[in-house]
Protein backbone atom coordinates (compact mmCIF):
# COMPACT_ATOMS: atom_id res chain seq x y z
CA SER A 1 18.85 -111.92 217.80
CA LEU A 2 17.95 -111.97 214.11
CA THR A 3 19.72 -110.51 211.08
CA ILE A 4 17.77 -110.82 207.84
CA SER A 5 17.15 -109.25 204.43
CA ILE A 6 13.54 -108.94 203.34
CA ASN A 7 11.75 -108.20 200.08
CA ALA A 8 8.69 -106.33 201.37
CA LEU A 9 7.28 -104.80 204.52
CA SER A 10 4.84 -107.69 204.75
CA ASP A 11 7.90 -109.83 205.56
CA LEU A 12 8.64 -107.50 208.47
CA TRP A 13 5.06 -107.84 209.71
CA MET A 14 5.50 -111.63 209.64
CA ILE A 15 8.58 -111.31 211.86
CA PHE A 16 6.69 -109.05 214.25
CA ASP A 17 3.77 -111.48 214.34
CA HIS A 18 5.75 -114.71 214.86
CA PHE A 19 8.96 -113.97 216.78
CA PRO A 20 7.87 -112.36 220.07
CA ASN A 21 11.04 -113.21 222.01
CA LEU A 22 13.47 -111.26 219.81
CA GLN A 23 15.61 -108.73 221.64
CA HIS A 24 17.74 -107.60 218.67
CA LEU A 25 16.53 -107.22 215.09
CA ASN A 26 18.80 -106.16 212.24
CA ILE A 27 16.88 -105.93 208.98
CA THR A 28 17.87 -104.90 205.45
CA ILE A 29 15.16 -103.90 202.98
CA GLY A 30 15.55 -103.24 199.26
CA CYS A 31 14.00 -99.91 198.27
CA LYS A 32 12.24 -101.23 195.16
CA THR A 33 9.98 -103.48 197.19
CA VAL A 34 9.70 -101.64 200.49
CA TYR A 35 6.15 -100.28 200.12
CA ASP A 36 3.24 -102.66 199.67
CA ASN A 37 -0.50 -102.69 200.32
CA THR A 38 -0.10 -103.93 203.92
CA THR A 39 1.83 -100.83 205.00
CA ASP A 40 -1.25 -98.77 205.81
CA THR A 41 -3.35 -101.60 207.26
CA TYR A 42 -0.90 -103.28 209.67
CA PRO A 43 -2.00 -102.87 213.34
CA TYR A 44 1.08 -100.97 214.62
CA GLU A 45 -0.65 -100.36 217.95
CA HIS A 46 -0.27 -104.08 218.72
CA LEU A 47 3.51 -104.09 218.43
CA TRP A 48 4.02 -103.42 222.14
CA TRP A 49 2.62 -106.85 223.05
CA LYS A 50 3.74 -108.69 219.88
CA MET A 51 7.40 -107.76 220.45
CA PRO A 52 7.60 -107.02 224.19
CA GLN A 53 11.34 -107.75 224.48
CA LEU A 54 12.70 -106.00 221.37
CA LYS A 55 15.33 -103.57 222.63
CA ASP A 56 17.58 -103.06 219.61
CA LEU A 57 16.25 -102.34 216.12
CA GLU A 58 18.38 -101.61 213.05
CA ILE A 59 16.70 -100.94 209.71
CA LYS A 60 18.79 -100.51 206.60
CA LEU A 61 17.35 -99.43 203.25
CA GLU A 62 19.65 -100.54 200.48
CA GLU A 63 19.57 -100.14 196.72
CA LYS A 64 22.02 -99.69 193.85
CA SER A 65 19.97 -96.84 192.36
CA LEU A 66 16.76 -95.08 193.27
CA TYR A 67 14.22 -94.49 190.53
CA ARG A 68 11.34 -93.06 192.56
CA HIS A 69 11.16 -91.51 195.99
CA GLU A 70 7.92 -93.44 196.62
CA SER A 71 10.05 -96.58 196.98
CA ILE A 72 11.61 -95.38 200.22
CA LEU A 73 10.16 -96.47 203.55
CA PRO A 74 7.69 -93.71 204.49
CA SER A 75 8.76 -91.84 207.62
CA HIS A 76 5.29 -92.18 209.15
CA VAL A 77 5.66 -95.98 209.00
CA LEU A 78 9.05 -95.85 210.69
CA PHE A 79 7.66 -93.58 213.42
CA LYS A 80 4.67 -95.89 213.98
CA ILE A 81 7.02 -98.85 214.43
CA ILE A 82 9.29 -97.01 216.87
CA LYS A 83 6.41 -95.44 218.80
CA ASN A 84 4.74 -98.80 219.45
CA LEU A 85 7.79 -100.86 220.45
CA TYR A 86 7.88 -99.83 224.10
CA ALA A 87 11.00 -101.79 225.11
CA LEU A 88 13.25 -100.17 222.47
CA THR A 89 16.40 -98.59 223.84
CA LYS A 90 18.35 -98.41 220.57
CA VAL A 91 17.21 -97.59 217.04
CA LYS A 92 19.50 -97.31 214.06
CA PHE A 93 18.29 -96.31 210.60
CA LEU A 94 20.63 -96.47 207.61
CA MET A 95 20.01 -95.60 203.98
CA ASP A 96 22.53 -96.89 201.46
CA ILE A 97 21.71 -95.72 197.93
CA GLN A 98 24.66 -96.09 195.56
C-alpha cells in the first residue's frame, strides 16, 4: 500500500516502473503540474506486467484554483491507465478544485 503526493505524471510512471508488488495506490496530483512531455510516450500497454497485483487505485487531482483546463489529467490518459491494469477491482477518481 502506498499513499503519496506527486508533482508530475512522470513521478507516477516511476512508481509504476519500480513498485511492482503494490496492491493499493492512493495518489494525489496537483493540477498545475499534471501534464508533462512523458504523458503521450509512456508505454501504457506494459502496465499489466509492471503492476500485476494492483487492485485498488485512487487518483485525486487537487488545486486551489484552476487557470487552464489543459492542466487537468486528460481523460484518455486515465482510461489508458485503467484499461491496462488488469488486476484492478476498484478505481476512485476525485477532483478537488477550490
